[in-house]
PDB file of all heavy atoms in Angstrom:
ATOM      1  N   ASP A   1       0.805  -1.236   0.017  1.00  0.00           N
ATOM      2  CA  ASP A   1      -0.003   0.000   0.011  1.00  0.00           C
ATOM      3  C   ASP A   1       0.838   1.256   0.020  1.00  0.00           C
ATOM      4  O   ASP A   1       0.530   2.221  -0.673  1.00  0.00           O
ATOM      5  CB  ASP A   1      -0.924  -0.035   1.207  1.00  0.00           C
ATOM      6  CG  ASP A   1      -1.885   1.151   1.171  1.00  0.00           C
ATOM      7  OD1 ASP A   1      -2.521   1.373   0.187  1.00  0.00           O
ATOM      8  OD2 ASP A   1      -2.066   1.793   2.251  1.00  0.00           O
ATOM      9  N   ASN A   2       1.900   1.294   0.764  1.00  0.00           N
ATOM     10  CA  ASN A   2       2.686   2.503   0.927  1.00  0.00           C
ATOM     11  C   ASN A   2       4.109   2.124   1.279  1.00  0.00           C
ATOM     12  O   ASN A   2       4.327   1.174   2.042  1.00  0.00           O
ATOM     13  CB  ASN A   2       2.055   3.358   2.076  1.00  0.00           C
ATOM     14  CG  ASN A   2       2.608   4.734   2.119  1.00  0.00           C
ATOM     15  OD1 ASN A   2       3.079   5.271   1.132  1.00  0.00           O
ATOM     16  ND2 ASN A   2       2.640   5.341   3.305  1.00  0.00           N
ATOM     17  N   VAL A   3       5.078   2.851   0.728  1.00  0.00           N
ATOM     18  CA  VAL A   3       6.474   2.615   1.066  1.00  0.00           C
ATOM     19  C   VAL A   3       7.129   4.001   1.363  1.00  0.00           C
ATOM     20  O   VAL A   3       6.985   4.951   0.647  1.00  0.00           O
ATOM     21  CB  VAL A   3       7.235   1.960  -0.083  1.00  0.00           C
ATOM     22  CG1 VAL A   3       8.705   1.773   0.233  1.00  0.00           C
ATOM     23  CG2 VAL A   3       6.574   0.641  -0.509  1.00  0.00           C
ATOM     24  N   VAL A   4       7.817   4.006   2.526  1.00  0.00           N
ATOM     25  CA  VAL A   4       8.533   5.229   2.904  1.00  0.00           C
ATOM     26  C   VAL A   4      10.025   4.878   3.061  1.00  0.00           C
ATOM     27  O   VAL A   4      10.349   3.962   3.783  1.00  0.00           O
ATOM     28  CB  VAL A   4       8.022   5.784   4.251  1.00  0.00           C
ATOM     29  CG1 VAL A   4       8.834   7.005   4.692  1.00  0.00           C
ATOM     30  CG2 VAL A   4       6.545   6.176   4.139  1.00  0.00           C
ATOM     31  N   ASN A   5      10.886   5.565   2.317  1.00  0.00           N
ATOM     32  CA  ASN A   5      12.340   5.361   2.388  1.00  0.00           C
ATOM     33  C   ASN A   5      12.986   6.510   3.106  1.00  0.00           C
ATOM     34  O   ASN A   5      12.696   7.659   2.809  1.00  0.00           O
ATOM     35  CB  ASN A   5      12.931   5.252   0.961  1.00  0.00           C
ATOM     36  CG  ASN A   5      12.389   4.012   0.226  1.00  0.00           C
ATOM     37  OD1 ASN A   5      12.629   2.911   0.636  1.00  0.00           O
ATOM     38  ND2 ASN A   5      11.686   4.293  -0.877  1.00  0.00           N
ATOM     39  N   VAL A   6      13.913   6.142   4.023  1.00  0.00           N
ATOM     40  CA  VAL A   6      14.669   7.128   4.804  1.00  0.00           C
ATOM     41  C   VAL A   6      16.147   6.779   4.690  1.00  0.00           C
ATOM     42  O   VAL A   6      16.529   5.647   5.046  1.00  0.00           O
ATOM     43  CB  VAL A   6      14.239   7.221   6.246  1.00  0.00           C
ATOM     44  CG1 VAL A   6      15.072   8.241   7.008  1.00  0.00           C
ATOM     45  CG2 VAL A   6      12.740   7.557   6.339  1.00  0.00           C
ATOM     46  N   LYS A   7      16.976   7.651   4.237  1.00  0.00           N
ATOM     47  CA  LYS A   7      18.396   7.418   4.145  1.00  0.00           C
ATOM     48  C   LYS A   7      18.987   7.454   5.540  1.00  0.00           C
ATOM     49  O   LYS A   7      18.686   8.315   6.344  1.00  0.00           O
ATOM     50  CB  LYS A   7      19.036   8.498   3.285  1.00  0.00           C
ATOM     51  CG  LYS A   7      20.526   8.176   2.956  1.00  0.00           C
ATOM     52  CD  LYS A   7      20.947   8.892   1.703  1.00  0.00           C
ATOM     53  CE  LYS A   7      22.373   8.721   1.353  1.00  0.00           C
ATOM     54  NZ  LYS A   7      22.808   7.324   1.153  1.00  0.00           N
ATOM     55  N   VAL A   8      19.821   6.454   5.831  1.00  0.00           N
ATOM     56  CA  VAL A   8      20.475   6.375   7.125  1.00  0.00           C
ATOM     57  C   VAL A   8      21.996   6.420   6.947  1.00  0.00           C
ATOM     58  O   VAL A   8      22.583   5.442   6.418  1.00  0.00           O
ATOM     59  CB  VAL A   8      20.089   5.058   7.857  1.00  0.00           C
ATOM     60  CG1 VAL A   8      20.820   4.899   9.175  1.00  0.00           C
ATOM     61  CG2 VAL A   8      18.577   4.963   8.031  1.00  0.00           C
ATOM     62  N   GLY A   9      22.595   7.529   7.276  1.00  0.00           N
ATOM     63  CA  GLY A   9      24.044   7.677   7.025  1.00  0.00           C
ATOM     64  C   GLY A   9      24.347   7.603   5.522  1.00  0.00           C
ATOM     65  O   GLY A   9      23.466   7.676   4.699  1.00  0.00           O
ATOM     66  N   PRO A  10      25.611   7.418   5.207  1.00  0.00           N
ATOM     67  CA  PRO A  10      25.984   7.416   3.788  1.00  0.00           C
ATOM     68  C   PRO A  10      25.634   6.146   3.015  1.00  0.00           C
ATOM     69  O   PRO A  10      25.456   6.162   1.821  1.00  0.00           O
ATOM     70  CB  PRO A  10      27.502   7.566   3.832  1.00  0.00           C
ATOM     71  CG  PRO A  10      27.904   7.029   5.145  1.00  0.00           C
ATOM     72  CD  PRO A  10      26.763   7.361   6.079  1.00  0.00           C
ATOM     73  N   ASP A  11      25.431   5.020   3.759  1.00  0.00           N
ATOM     74  CA  ASP A  11      25.220   3.754   3.055  1.00  0.00           C
ATOM     75  C   ASP A  11      23.973   2.988   3.493  1.00  0.00           C
ATOM     76  O   ASP A  11      23.797   1.870   3.036  1.00  0.00           O
ATOM     77  CB  ASP A  11      26.439   2.794   3.332  1.00  0.00           C
ATOM     78  CG  ASP A  11      27.709   3.389   2.756  1.00  0.00           C
ATOM     79  OD1 ASP A  11      27.668   4.049   1.737  1.00  0.00           O
ATOM     80  OD2 ASP A  11      28.770   3.165   3.379  1.00  0.00           O
ATOM     81  N   GLY A  12      23.162   3.601   4.303  1.00  0.00           N
ATOM     82  CA  GLY A  12      21.979   2.886   4.837  1.00  0.00           C
ATOM     83  C   GLY A  12      20.628   3.372   4.270  1.00  0.00           C
ATOM     84  O   GLY A  12      20.503   4.500   3.799  1.00  0.00           O
ATOM     85  N   LEU A  13      19.667   2.435   4.342  1.00  0.00           N
ATOM     86  CA  LEU A  13      18.315   2.784   3.914  1.00  0.00           C
ATOM     87  C   LEU A  13      17.365   2.103   4.851  1.00  0.00           C
ATOM     88  O   LEU A  13      17.409   0.854   5.043  1.00  0.00           O
ATOM     89  CB  LEU A  13      18.077   2.251   2.498  1.00  0.00           C
ATOM     90  CG  LEU A  13      16.650   2.527   1.900  1.00  0.00           C
ATOM     91  CD1 LEU A  13      16.435   4.011   1.748  1.00  0.00           C
ATOM     92  CD2 LEU A  13      16.506   1.834   0.602  1.00  0.00           C
ATOM     93  N   GLU A  14      16.483   2.913   5.465  1.00  0.00           N
ATOM     94  CA  GLU A  14      15.416   2.327   6.287  1.00  0.00           C
ATOM     95  C   GLU A  14      14.120   2.467   5.486  1.00  0.00           C
ATOM     96  O   GLU A  14      13.837   3.547   4.915  1.00  0.00           O
ATOM     97  CB  GLU A  14      15.300   3.131   7.620  1.00  0.00           C
ATOM     98  CG  GLU A  14      14.149   2.609   8.476  1.00  0.00           C
ATOM     99  CD  GLU A  14      13.977   3.377   9.748  1.00  0.00           C
ATOM    100  OE1 GLU A  14      14.998   3.571  10.461  1.00  0.00           O
ATOM    101  OE2 GLU A  14      12.823   3.860   9.982  1.00  0.00           O
ATOM    102  N   ARG A  15      13.378   1.367   5.405  1.00  0.00           N
ATOM    103  CA  ARG A  15      12.138   1.390   4.668  1.00  0.00           C
ATOM    104  C   ARG A  15      10.956   0.913   5.566  1.00  0.00           C
ATOM    105  O   ARG A  15      11.121  -0.044   6.301  1.00  0.00           O
ATOM    106  CB  ARG A  15      12.172   0.457   3.440  1.00  0.00           C
ATOM    107  CG  ARG A  15      13.095   0.947   2.380  1.00  0.00           C
ATOM    108  CD  ARG A  15      12.903   0.243   1.064  1.00  0.00           C
ATOM    109  NE  ARG A  15      13.340  -1.202   1.156  1.00  0.00           N
ATOM    110  CZ  ARG A  15      13.256  -2.034   0.157  1.00  0.00           C
ATOM    111  NH1 ARG A  15      12.699  -1.611  -1.001  1.00  0.00           N
ATOM    112  NH2 ARG A  15      13.676  -3.241   0.243  1.00  0.00           N
ATOM    113  N   THR A  16       9.866   1.585   5.454  1.00  0.00           N
ATOM    114  CA  THR A  16       8.655   1.178   6.103  1.00  0.00           C
ATOM    115  C   THR A  16       7.675   0.831   4.995  1.00  0.00           C
ATOM    116  O   THR A  16       7.385   1.681   4.100  1.00  0.00           O
ATOM    117  CB  THR A  16       8.022   2.297   6.973  1.00  0.00           C
ATOM    118  OG1 THR A  16       8.983   2.654   7.960  1.00  0.00           O
ATOM    119  CG2 THR A  16       6.754   1.839   7.633  1.00  0.00           C
ATOM    120  N   ILE A  17       7.256  -0.454   4.954  1.00  0.00           N
ATOM    121  CA  ILE A  17       6.428  -0.973   3.881  1.00  0.00           C
ATOM    122  C   ILE A  17       5.107  -1.364   4.474  1.00  0.00           C
ATOM    123  O   ILE A  17       5.051  -2.205   5.378  1.00  0.00           O
ATOM    124  CB  ILE A  17       7.124  -2.171   3.208  1.00  0.00           C
ATOM    125  CG1 ILE A  17       8.480  -1.765   2.689  1.00  0.00           C
ATOM    126  CG2 ILE A  17       6.269  -2.744   2.077  1.00  0.00           C
ATOM    127  CD1 ILE A  17       9.358  -2.932   2.330  1.00  0.00           C
ATOM    128  N   SER A  18       4.004  -0.777   4.010  1.00  0.00           N
ATOM    129  CA  SER A  18       2.677  -1.064   4.495  1.00  0.00           C
ATOM    130  C   SER A  18       2.075  -2.142   3.594  1.00  0.00           C
ATOM    131  O   SER A  18       1.998  -1.976   2.358  1.00  0.00           O
ATOM    132  CB  SER A  18       1.792   0.181   4.502  1.00  0.00           C
ATOM    133  OG  SER A  18       2.339   1.143   5.368  1.00  0.00           O
ATOM    134  N   ILE A  19       1.626  -3.219   4.239  1.00  0.00           N
ATOM    135  CA  ILE A  19       1.073  -4.361   3.512  1.00  0.00           C
ATOM    136  C   ILE A  19      -0.386  -4.523   3.843  1.00  0.00           C
ATOM    137  O   ILE A  19      -0.795  -4.308   5.008  1.00  0.00           O
ATOM    138  CB  ILE A  19       1.799  -5.667   3.923  1.00  0.00           C
ATOM    139  CG1 ILE A  19       3.307  -5.572   3.746  1.00  0.00           C
ATOM    140  CG2 ILE A  19       1.206  -6.868   3.281  1.00  0.00           C
ATOM    141  CD1 ILE A  19       3.771  -5.560   2.361  1.00  0.00           C
ATOM    142  N   ILE A  20      -1.232  -4.844   2.856  1.00  0.00           N
ATOM    143  CA  ILE A  20      -2.625  -5.204   3.103  1.00  0.00           C
ATOM    144  C   ILE A  20      -2.874  -6.577   2.479  1.00  0.00           C
ATOM    145  O   ILE A  20      -2.570  -6.763   1.290  1.00  0.00           O
ATOM    146  CB  ILE A  20      -3.580  -4.195   2.519  1.00  0.00           C
ATOM    147  CG1 ILE A  20      -3.376  -2.787   3.122  1.00  0.00           C
ATOM    148  CG2 ILE A  20      -5.029  -4.622   2.797  1.00  0.00           C
ATOM    149  CD1 ILE A  20      -4.229  -1.717   2.520  1.00  0.00           C
ATOM    150  N   ILE A  21      -3.393  -7.469   3.302  1.00  0.00           N
ATOM    151  CA  ILE A  21      -3.807  -8.805   2.799  1.00  0.00           C
ATOM    152  C   ILE A  21      -5.336  -8.785   2.732  1.00  0.00           C
ATOM    153  O   ILE A  21      -6.005  -8.608   3.754  1.00  0.00           O
ATOM    154  CB  ILE A  21      -3.319  -9.922   3.681  1.00  0.00           C
ATOM    155  CG1 ILE A  21      -1.788  -9.905   3.811  1.00  0.00           C
ATOM    156  CG2 ILE A  21      -3.850 -11.311   3.209  1.00  0.00           C
ATOM    157  CD1 ILE A  21      -1.215 -10.897   4.831  1.00  0.00           C
ATOM    158  N   TYR A  22      -5.897  -8.969   1.547  1.00  0.00           N
ATOM    159  CA  TYR A  22      -7.349  -9.078   1.368  1.00  0.00           C
ATOM    160  C   TYR A  22      -7.719 -10.554   1.319  1.00  0.00           C
ATOM    161  O   TYR A  22      -7.088 -11.348   0.589  1.00  0.00           O
ATOM    162  CB  TYR A  22      -7.762  -8.419   0.086  1.00  0.00           C
ATOM    163  CG  TYR A  22      -7.416  -6.948  -0.053  1.00  0.00           C
ATOM    164  CD1 TYR A  22      -6.238  -6.499  -0.552  1.00  0.00           C
ATOM    165  CD2 TYR A  22      -8.378  -6.033   0.376  1.00  0.00           C
ATOM    166  CE1 TYR A  22      -5.962  -5.120  -0.623  1.00  0.00           C
ATOM    167  CE2 TYR A  22      -8.104  -4.654   0.279  1.00  0.00           C
ATOM    168  CZ  TYR A  22      -6.907  -4.228  -0.201  1.00  0.00           C
ATOM    169  OH  TYR A  22      -6.634  -2.907  -0.260  1.00  0.00           O
ATOM    170  N   TYR A  23      -8.751 -10.856   2.088  1.00  0.00           N
ATOM    171  CA  TYR A  23      -9.281 -12.229   2.021  1.00  0.00           C
ATOM    172  C   TYR A  23     -10.728 -12.181   1.574  1.00  0.00           C
ATOM    173  O   TYR A  23     -11.562 -11.554   2.165  1.00  0.00           O
ATOM    174  CB  TYR A  23      -9.205 -12.939   3.399  1.00  0.00           C
ATOM    175  CG  TYR A  23      -9.831 -14.308   3.355  1.00  0.00           C
ATOM    176  CD1 TYR A  23      -9.178 -15.344   2.676  1.00  0.00           C
ATOM    177  CD2 TYR A  23     -11.044 -14.540   3.947  1.00  0.00           C
ATOM    178  CE1 TYR A  23      -9.757 -16.573   2.609  1.00  0.00           C
ATOM    179  CE2 TYR A  23     -11.605 -15.820   3.935  1.00  0.00           C
ATOM    180  CZ  TYR A  23     -10.979 -16.817   3.236  1.00  0.00           C
ATOM    181  OH  TYR A  23     -11.529 -18.051   3.174  1.00  0.00           O
ATOM    182  N   PHE A  24     -10.991 -12.859   0.468  1.00  0.00           N
ATOM    183  CA  PHE A  24     -12.331 -12.986  -0.087  1.00  0.00           C
ATOM    184  C   PHE A  24     -12.887 -14.313   0.321  1.00  0.00           C
ATOM    185  O   PHE A  24     -12.443 -15.364  -0.183  1.00  0.00           O
ATOM    186  CB  PHE A  24     -12.267 -12.831  -1.657  1.00  0.00           C
ATOM    187  CG  PHE A  24     -11.695 -11.536  -2.107  1.00  0.00           C
ATOM    188  CD1 PHE A  24     -10.331 -11.467  -2.406  1.00  0.00           C
ATOM    189  CD2 PHE A  24     -12.457 -10.426  -2.210  1.00  0.00           C
ATOM    190  CE1 PHE A  24      -9.776 -10.261  -2.837  1.00  0.00           C
ATOM    191  CE2 PHE A  24     -11.935  -9.236  -2.598  1.00  0.00           C
ATOM    192  CZ  PHE A  24     -10.573  -9.125  -2.957  1.00  0.00           C
ATOM    193  N   PRO A  25     -13.844 -14.342   1.240  1.00  0.00           N
ATOM    194  CA  PRO A  25     -14.393 -15.592   1.746  1.00  0.00           C
ATOM    195  C   PRO A  25     -15.156 -16.391   0.694  1.00  0.00           C
ATOM    196  O   PRO A  25     -15.531 -15.871  -0.328  1.00  0.00           O
ATOM    197  CB  PRO A  25     -15.328 -15.148   2.910  1.00  0.00           C
ATOM    198  CG  PRO A  25     -15.696 -13.737   2.534  1.00  0.00           C
ATOM    199  CD  PRO A  25     -14.556 -13.156   1.800  1.00  0.00           C
ATOM    200  N   THR A  26     -15.401 -17.631   1.034  1.00  0.00           N
ATOM    201  CA  THR A  26     -16.038 -18.583   0.166  1.00  0.00           C
ATOM    202  C   THR A  26     -17.431 -18.095  -0.330  1.00  0.00           C
ATOM    203  O   THR A  26     -17.702 -18.108  -1.494  1.00  0.00           O
ATOM    204  CB  THR A  26     -16.187 -19.984   0.864  1.00  0.00           C
ATOM    205  OG1 THR A  26     -14.935 -20.397   1.308  1.00  0.00           O
ATOM    206  CG2 THR A  26     -16.781 -20.992  -0.056  1.00  0.00           C
ATOM    207  N   ASP A  27     -18.262 -17.583   0.612  1.00  0.00           N
ATOM    208  CA  ASP A  27     -19.582 -17.136   0.288  1.00  0.00           C
ATOM    209  C   ASP A  27     -19.661 -15.667   0.646  1.00  0.00           C
ATOM    210  O   ASP A  27     -19.399 -15.265   1.781  1.00  0.00           O
ATOM    211  CB  ASP A  27     -20.610 -17.946   1.128  1.00  0.00           C
ATOM    212  CG  ASP A  27     -22.053 -17.599   0.801  1.00  0.00           C
ATOM    213  OD1 ASP A  27     -22.340 -16.458   0.335  1.00  0.00           O
ATOM    214  OD2 ASP A  27     -22.911 -18.495   0.948  1.00  0.00           O
ATOM    215  N   LYS A  28     -19.963 -14.826  -0.323  1.00  0.00           N
ATOM    216  CA  LYS A  28     -20.000 -13.410  -0.108  1.00  0.00           C
ATOM    217  C   LYS A  28     -21.152 -12.946   0.830  1.00  0.00           C
ATOM    218  O   LYS A  28     -21.168 -11.786   1.268  1.00  0.00           O
ATOM    219  CB  LYS A  28     -19.994 -12.574  -1.422  1.00  0.00           C
ATOM    220  CG  LYS A  28     -21.240 -12.820  -2.221  1.00  0.00           C
ATOM    221  CD  LYS A  28     -21.120 -12.014  -3.497  1.00  0.00           C
ATOM    222  CE  LYS A  28     -22.346 -12.196  -4.350  1.00  0.00           C
ATOM    223  NZ  LYS A  28     -22.268 -11.427  -5.603  1.00  0.00           N
ATOM    224  N   ASN A  29     -22.110 -13.829   1.116  1.00  0.00           N
ATOM    225  CA  ASN A  29     -23.215 -13.480   1.943  1.00  0.00           C
ATOM    226  C   ASN A  29     -23.180 -14.111   3.327  1.00  0.00           C
ATOM    227  O   ASN A  29     -23.809 -13.596   4.244  1.00  0.00           O
ATOM    228  CB  ASN A  29     -24.566 -13.807   1.259  1.00  0.00           C
ATOM    229  CG  ASN A  29     -24.710 -13.084  -0.031  1.00  0.00           C
ATOM    230  OD1 ASN A  29     -24.543 -11.818  -0.094  1.00  0.00           O
ATOM    231  ND2 ASN A  29     -25.029 -13.757  -1.110  1.00  0.00           N
ATOM    232  N   ASP A  30     -22.503 -15.241   3.473  1.00  0.00           N
ATOM    233  CA  ASP A  30     -22.420 -15.948   4.750  1.00  0.00           C
ATOM    234  C   ASP A  30     -20.977 -16.236   5.032  1.00  0.00           C
ATOM    235  O   ASP A  30     -20.425 -17.253   4.662  1.00  0.00           O
ATOM    236  CB  ASP A  30     -23.194 -17.227   4.635  1.00  0.00           C
ATOM    237  CG  ASP A  30     -23.254 -18.018   5.923  1.00  0.00           C
ATOM    238  OD1 ASP A  30     -23.068 -17.401   6.966  1.00  0.00           O
ATOM    239  OD2 ASP A  30     -23.498 -19.256   5.874  1.00  0.00           O
ATOM    240  N   TYR A  31     -20.335 -15.257   5.746  1.00  0.00           N
ATOM    241  CA  TYR A  31     -18.873 -15.359   5.890  1.00  0.00           C
ATOM    242  C   TYR A  31     -18.396 -15.097   7.338  1.00  0.00           C
ATOM    243  O   TYR A  31     -17.193 -15.155   7.559  1.00  0.00           O
ATOM    244  CB  TYR A  31     -18.208 -14.318   4.974  1.00  0.00           C
ATOM    245  CG  TYR A  31     -18.784 -12.921   5.139  1.00  0.00           C
ATOM    246  CD1 TYR A  31     -18.366 -12.082   6.208  1.00  0.00           C
ATOM    247  CD2 TYR A  31     -19.730 -12.423   4.284  1.00  0.00           C
ATOM    248  CE1 TYR A  31     -18.877 -10.799   6.372  1.00  0.00           C
ATOM    249  CE2 TYR A  31     -20.256 -11.126   4.474  1.00  0.00           C
ATOM    250  CZ  TYR A  31     -19.826 -10.343   5.481  1.00  0.00           C
ATOM    251  OH  TYR A  31     -20.333  -9.116   5.676  1.00  0.00           O
TER     252      TYR A  31
END
């Protein structure tokens, strides 16, 4: 969903990665 990169010193990279897992159930009415 979203990625934020922050440089850390001359050789480093800190990344925050936002993940979303969508689950589509078997029955869209009874789940």
